Protein backbone atom coordinates (compact mmCIF):
# COMPACT_ATOMS: atom_id res chain seq x y z
CA MET A 1 26.21 10.15 -96.98
CA GLU A 2 25.30 11.23 -93.22
CA GLU A 3 28.07 13.20 -92.25
CA SER A 4 29.80 12.29 -88.89
CA ALA A 5 29.27 13.66 -85.64
CA GLU A 6 32.74 15.29 -85.84
CA GLN A 7 32.13 16.54 -89.13
CA LYS A 8 29.32 18.53 -87.86
CA ARG A 9 31.66 19.56 -84.80
CA GLU A 10 33.62 20.77 -86.96
CA GLN A 11 31.54 22.83 -89.28
CA PHE A 12 29.68 24.31 -86.08
CA CYS A 13 32.98 25.54 -84.63
CA ALA A 14 33.84 26.72 -88.23
CA LYS A 15 31.03 28.69 -87.92
CA ARG A 16 31.27 29.54 -84.55
CA LEU A 17 34.29 31.23 -85.16
CA GLN A 18 33.16 32.73 -88.08
CA GLU A 19 30.54 34.60 -85.91
CA SER A 20 32.94 35.66 -83.28
CA GLY A 21 34.63 37.13 -85.82
CA VAL A 22 31.49 38.72 -87.07
CA ALA A 23 30.62 40.11 -83.56
CA TYR A 24 34.36 41.84 -83.50
CA SER A 25 33.75 43.55 -86.64
CA ALA A 26 30.47 44.50 -86.16
CA SER A 27 30.89 46.34 -83.05
CA ALA A 28 33.81 48.27 -84.33
CA VAL A 29 31.36 49.44 -87.29
CA LEU A 30 28.30 50.07 -84.99
CA GLY A 31 30.42 52.12 -82.51
CA VAL A 32 32.36 54.34 -85.19
CA LEU A 33 28.61 54.77 -86.24
CA LEU A 34 27.11 55.33 -83.34
CA SER A 35 29.69 58.21 -82.30
CA PHE A 36 29.31 59.78 -85.46
CA LEU A 37 25.84 60.17 -85.09
CA LEU A 38 26.47 61.38 -81.66
CA SER A 39 28.67 64.35 -82.80
CA ALA A 40 26.67 65.27 -85.27
CA VAL A 41 23.96 65.63 -82.29
CA ALA A 42 26.09 67.41 -80.27
CA VAL A 43 27.21 69.76 -82.15
CA ALA A 44 23.55 70.36 -83.23
CA VAL A 45 22.30 70.86 -79.23
CA SER A 46 25.48 72.42 -77.69
CA GLY A 47 27.55 73.95 -80.96
CA GLU A 48 31.37 72.89 -80.40
CA ASN A 49 31.49 73.21 -77.27
CA TYR A 50 29.99 69.57 -76.55
CA ALA A 51 32.97 67.92 -75.69
CA LYS A 52 33.25 67.98 -72.31
CA GLN A 53 29.54 68.11 -71.20
CA ASN A 54 28.05 65.72 -68.80
CA TRP A 55 25.42 64.43 -70.97
CA TYR A 56 27.77 64.11 -73.88
CA LEU A 57 30.39 61.95 -71.67
CA TYR A 58 28.13 59.58 -70.70
CA CYS A 59 26.46 59.44 -74.53
CA ALA A 60 30.02 58.49 -75.48
CA TYR A 61 30.33 55.38 -72.91
CA SER A 62 27.61 54.18 -73.48
CA VAL A 63 28.34 53.95 -77.53
CA ALA A 64 30.63 51.37 -77.62
CA GLN A 65 28.39 49.03 -74.73
CA ILE A 66 25.27 49.62 -77.18
CA ALA A 67 27.35 48.72 -80.07
CA PHE A 68 28.10 45.38 -77.89
CA ALA A 69 25.36 44.33 -76.99
CA VAL A 70 24.46 44.60 -80.44
CA SER A 71 26.76 42.91 -81.09
CA ALA A 72 26.35 40.04 -78.89
CA ALA A 73 22.89 39.82 -79.78
CA ILE A 74 23.61 39.32 -83.80
CA TYR A 75 26.32 36.64 -82.96
CA PHE A 76 23.51 34.43 -80.07
CA VAL A 77 21.17 34.52 -82.70
CA ARG A 78 23.52 33.59 -85.77
CA SER A 79 25.55 31.19 -84.21
CA LYS A 80 22.31 29.11 -82.12
CA MET A 81 24.35 29.85 -79.30
CA PRO A 82 22.41 30.00 -75.47
CA VAL A 83 22.97 33.40 -73.44
CA LYS A 84 23.84 30.82 -70.82
CA SER A 85 26.24 29.31 -72.12
CA MET A 86 28.54 32.18 -70.93
CA PHE A 87 27.87 31.57 -67.53
CA GLY A 88 28.48 28.17 -66.74
CA LYS A 89 29.01 26.59 -62.80
CA CYS A 90 32.61 27.83 -61.54
CA SER A 91 33.86 26.97 -58.46
CA PRO A 92 33.94 30.24 -55.95
CA LYS A 93 37.50 29.66 -55.72
CA TYR A 94 37.63 31.84 -59.21
CA PHE A 95 35.88 35.16 -58.47
CA ALA A 96 38.61 35.04 -55.17
CA LEU A 97 41.74 34.49 -58.21
CA ALA A 98 39.59 36.98 -60.37
CA PHE A 99 40.02 39.76 -57.39
CA LEU A 100 43.37 38.96 -56.83
CA LEU A 101 44.53 39.31 -59.98
CA GLN A 102 42.59 42.51 -60.82
CA PHE A 103 43.74 44.01 -57.93
CA GLY A 104 48.00 43.28 -58.78
CA LEU A 105 46.46 44.40 -62.34
CA LEU A 106 45.26 47.52 -61.12
CA PHE A 107 48.12 48.91 -58.70
CA SER A 108 51.22 47.08 -59.78
CA LEU A 109 50.75 46.35 -63.31
CA SER A 110 49.46 49.96 -64.14
CA GLU A 111 52.05 51.27 -62.17
CA LEU A 112 54.56 49.31 -64.66
CA ASN A 113 52.50 50.92 -67.29
CA SER A 114 53.17 54.26 -66.37
CA TYR A 115 56.75 54.12 -67.40
CA PHE A 116 55.76 52.95 -71.06
CA THR A 117 53.71 56.39 -70.73
CA LEU A 118 56.72 57.80 -69.41
CA PHE A 119 58.94 57.07 -72.45
CA LEU A 120 56.30 58.05 -75.22
CA GLU A 121 55.69 61.33 -73.18
CA LYS A 122 60.19 61.48 -73.86
CA LEU A 123 59.66 61.42 -77.62
CA GLY A 124 57.29 64.06 -77.56
CA TYR A 125 54.13 62.09 -76.99
CA VAL A 126 50.93 64.34 -75.19
CA SER A 127 48.16 62.21 -73.93
CA GLU A 128 44.71 63.85 -73.62
CA GLY A 129 43.46 61.69 -71.20
CA THR A 130 40.53 60.72 -70.61
CA PRO A 131 37.07 62.79 -69.35
CA VAL A 132 34.97 61.65 -67.46
CA PRO A 133 31.50 63.16 -65.94
CA ASP A 134 31.55 65.33 -63.09
CA LEU A 135 32.19 63.13 -60.02
CA SER A 136 31.39 65.24 -57.45
CA GLY A 137 28.33 64.49 -54.81
CA TRP A 138 25.70 62.00 -56.29
CA GLY A 139 27.72 62.13 -59.50
CA ILE A 140 29.77 59.48 -58.98
CA LEU A 141 26.44 56.96 -58.73
CA PRO A 142 25.54 57.05 -62.64
CA ALA A 143 28.64 57.23 -63.35
CA ILE A 144 29.54 53.90 -61.68
CA VAL A 145 26.68 52.54 -63.79
CA VAL A 146 27.85 53.81 -66.99
CA ILE A 147 31.33 53.62 -67.00
CA ALA A 148 32.04 50.24 -64.73
CA ALA A 149 28.87 48.51 -64.68
CA LEU A 150 28.13 48.51 -68.39
CA PRO A 151 31.37 47.52 -69.33
CA ALA A 152 31.44 44.63 -67.12
CA VAL A 153 28.48 43.31 -68.83
CA PHE A 154 29.32 43.96 -72.51
CA GLU A 155 32.69 44.06 -72.54
CA GLU A 156 33.14 40.16 -70.65
CA THR A 157 30.88 38.97 -72.81
CA VAL A 158 31.80 40.16 -76.40
CA PHE A 159 35.81 39.40 -75.26
CA ARG A 160 35.76 36.70 -72.99
CA GLY A 161 32.42 35.14 -73.51
CA ILE A 162 32.24 34.68 -77.36
CA LEU A 163 35.88 35.94 -78.38
CA ALA A 164 38.59 33.53 -76.22
CA LYS A 165 35.21 30.94 -75.29
CA SER A 166 34.66 30.62 -79.12
CA MET A 167 38.21 30.23 -79.72
CA HIS A 168 39.19 27.93 -76.76
CA GLU A 169 36.18 25.15 -76.65
CA CYS A 170 36.61 25.26 -80.75
CA GLY A 171 40.22 23.87 -80.56
CA TRP A 172 42.62 26.71 -79.78
CA GLY A 173 44.95 26.35 -77.51
CA LEU A 174 44.71 28.11 -73.76
CA ALA A 175 47.82 30.22 -74.72
CA ALA A 176 46.33 31.21 -78.08
CA SER A 177 43.02 32.13 -77.26
CA ALA A 178 44.36 34.16 -74.26
CA LEU A 179 46.73 35.81 -76.37
CA VAL A 180 44.67 36.81 -79.34
CA SER A 181 41.77 37.71 -77.26
CA GLY A 182 43.89 40.16 -74.96
CA ALA A 183 45.62 41.69 -78.24
CA LEU A 184 42.07 42.27 -79.90
CA PHE A 185 40.85 43.86 -76.34
CA ALA A 186 43.73 46.09 -76.15
CA LEU A 187 43.59 47.03 -79.91
CA PHE A 188 39.58 47.79 -79.53
CA HIS A 189 40.60 50.62 -76.58
CA GLY A 190 42.91 52.54 -79.45
CA SER A 191 44.94 54.05 -76.27
CA PRO A 192 48.31 53.72 -77.67
CA GLU A 193 49.75 54.60 -73.91
CA GLN A 194 47.59 51.89 -72.22
CA THR A 195 48.10 49.09 -74.77
CA ILE A 196 50.13 46.99 -72.71
CA TYR A 197 47.88 47.18 -69.44
CA GLN A 198 45.10 46.55 -71.76
CA PHE A 199 46.87 43.71 -73.73
CA LEU A 200 48.09 41.73 -70.66
CA CYS A 201 44.33 42.92 -68.36
CA GLY A 202 42.59 40.97 -71.52
CA VAL A 203 44.86 38.07 -70.93
CA CYS A 204 44.82 37.67 -67.80
CA PHE A 205 40.60 37.93 -67.35
CA ALA A 206 40.79 35.47 -70.56
CA LEU A 207 42.46 33.06 -68.89
CA ILE A 208 40.35 33.22 -65.46
CA ALA A 209 37.39 32.82 -67.77
CA LEU A 210 38.69 29.68 -69.43
CA ARG A 211 39.88 28.49 -66.31
CA ALA A 212 36.49 28.75 -64.55
CA GLY A 213 34.01 27.83 -67.38
CA SER A 214 32.15 31.01 -67.01
CA ILE A 215 32.41 34.97 -67.29
CA LEU A 216 31.10 35.29 -64.16
CA PRO A 217 34.41 36.35 -62.23
CA THR A 218 35.75 38.60 -64.91
CA MET A 219 32.68 40.61 -65.27
CA LEU A 220 32.42 41.19 -61.00
CA ALA A 221 36.74 42.22 -61.09
CA HIS A 222 35.58 43.99 -64.51
CA PHE A 223 33.18 46.18 -62.43
CA ALA A 224 35.26 46.03 -59.21
CA ASN A 225 38.46 47.72 -61.46
CA ASN A 226 36.42 50.41 -62.90
CA ALA A 227 34.82 50.92 -59.99
CA VAL A 228 38.19 51.39 -58.03
CA ILE A 229 39.63 53.94 -60.14
CA LEU A 230 36.07 56.11 -60.21
CA THR A 231 36.36 56.20 -56.75
CA PHE A 232 39.91 57.05 -56.13
CA SER A 233 39.43 59.86 -58.94
CA ARG A 234 36.57 60.96 -56.99
CA PHE A 235 38.81 61.31 -53.71
CA GLY A 236 41.52 62.95 -55.57
CA TYR A 237 44.08 60.42 -56.36
CA ASP A 238 43.77 59.95 -59.87
CA GLU A 239 47.64 59.13 -59.37
CA LEU A 240 48.99 56.40 -57.11
CA SER A 241 51.84 58.10 -56.27
CA SER A 242 49.48 61.21 -54.36
CA LEU A 243 48.69 58.43 -52.04
CA PRO A 244 51.09 59.02 -48.56
CA PHE A 245 55.00 56.87 -49.90
CA GLY A 246 54.16 54.12 -47.57
CA TRP A 247 50.69 53.46 -48.50
CA TYR A 248 51.58 53.53 -52.20
CA LEU A 249 54.54 51.23 -51.49
CA ALA A 250 52.62 48.49 -49.84
CA LEU A 251 50.09 49.15 -51.89
CA VAL A 252 52.53 48.42 -54.89
CA ILE A 253 54.18 45.13 -53.22
CA THR A 254 51.17 43.78 -51.80
CA SER A 255 49.02 44.07 -55.38
CA ALA A 256 52.50 42.63 -56.91
CA VAL A 257 52.51 39.44 -54.63
CA CYS A 258 48.46 38.78 -55.84
CA LEU A 259 48.94 39.53 -59.27
CA ILE A 260 51.95 36.90 -59.61
CA GLY A 261 50.69 34.54 -57.08
CA SER A 262 47.56 34.44 -59.37
CA LEU A 263 49.27 34.01 -62.40
CA VAL A 264 51.28 31.40 -61.43
CA TYR A 265 48.92 29.47 -59.51
CA LEU A 266 46.67 29.94 -62.82
CA ILE A 267 49.03 28.71 -65.02
CA PHE A 268 51.10 25.60 -63.52
CA PHE A 269 49.00 24.58 -60.97
CA ASP A 270 45.05 24.62 -62.19
CA LYS A 271 44.67 22.65 -64.96
CA ARG A 272 41.00 22.84 -66.07
CA GLY A 273 40.66 23.89 -69.75
CA ASN A 274 44.11 22.53 -70.48
CA ARG A 275 44.23 22.33 -74.00
CA LYS A 276 47.39 23.05 -76.17
CA GLY A 277 46.89 23.91 -79.94
CA GLY A 278 47.38 26.40 -82.57
CA VAL A 279 44.92 28.63 -84.44
CA LYS A 280 42.37 26.34 -86.05
CA GLU A 281 40.74 27.93 -88.80
CA GLY A 282 42.28 30.91 -87.83
CA GLY A 283 42.08 32.05 -91.62
CA ARG A 284 38.12 32.19 -90.94
CA PHE A 285 38.11 34.30 -87.91
CA PHE A 286 40.39 36.72 -88.71
CA LEU A 287 39.05 37.29 -92.16
CA ALA A 288 35.44 37.95 -90.25
CA ALA A 289 37.52 39.59 -87.82
CA GLY A 290 39.45 41.75 -90.44
CA VAL A 291 36.82 44.99 -91.18
CA GLY A 292 36.88 45.10 -86.92
CA ILE A 293 40.54 44.43 -86.93
CA LEU A 294 41.48 47.53 -89.58
CA ILE A 295 39.16 50.34 -87.94
CA CYS A 296 40.78 49.51 -84.42
CA ALA A 297 44.04 49.51 -85.84
CA ILE A 298 43.43 53.09 -87.81
CA GLU A 299 41.73 54.63 -84.97
CA TRP A 300 44.93 53.44 -82.76
CA ILE A 301 47.51 54.81 -85.20
CA ALA A 302 45.41 57.74 -85.20
CA VAL A 303 45.45 59.20 -81.51
CA LEU A 304 49.23 57.81 -81.63
CA ILE A 305 50.01 60.55 -84.48
CA MET A 306 47.68 62.93 -82.92
CA GLY A 307 49.93 62.76 -79.68
CA PHE A 308 52.96 63.45 -80.78
CA PHE A 309 51.71 65.93 -83.16
CA HIS A 310 50.32 67.86 -80.56
CA GLY A 311 53.24 67.21 -78.71
């Protein structure tokens, strides 16, 4: 008996969700393997004092992006989804909304997240921070390429293009798609003190990408976010509180208005891509993503424990 069009679609969606889960697991596994390989090479080349050397830092930042690129390529081949499906036509308003949203996330939500960091520190947690290559002189240019441009392309492709888009187009509700992909985004980064910020960034980016029907707006906003952070660091403004108080207060208030206004519009007024629903074929997806979730969870917990141990 010939299968109906609906049955074929369900089978296609089930396979697509499974392959998106595989992409997450593959990214985590490849990231770990490449990191171990890089560390072994670094010790052989530079001895034990390799961790803060420029060449190593650039390679370390590139490892995850290589893993994402390979995993995305595997996904597109196995799922038979065209790469161009990530870049559908979208209204220019979504580019403006993405930048307004990112402005709000960067300069107001990050400040709220700092209170969570302070809470952890009160409990004895010590963050080692995230080392960056030398940004002096023209050093900021290669840093922007590796730390801003590459993640904007490959992280958006995997988390918003493959994960969130697959979930939403295969029957998951808008909220479920954004929340689950945002949680996986935060978990992958393995930074306990930044978990809340990264989770909300992931949710907001997924919301923009799903409303727009394209990851282009979030790619540009993601790039702008990392580039601005690097630029601020380059000129000695690693913390917003180091700005003159008047500038600091105006920046935080303005960004909070942009964040809240953008979210209100996207959630309550923009109806494009609305879909209510649960987590269709969730078992298939989470089983495929399980290895990646386990690896990322172990890394997250290890970083948390080490933070308290060093404290």
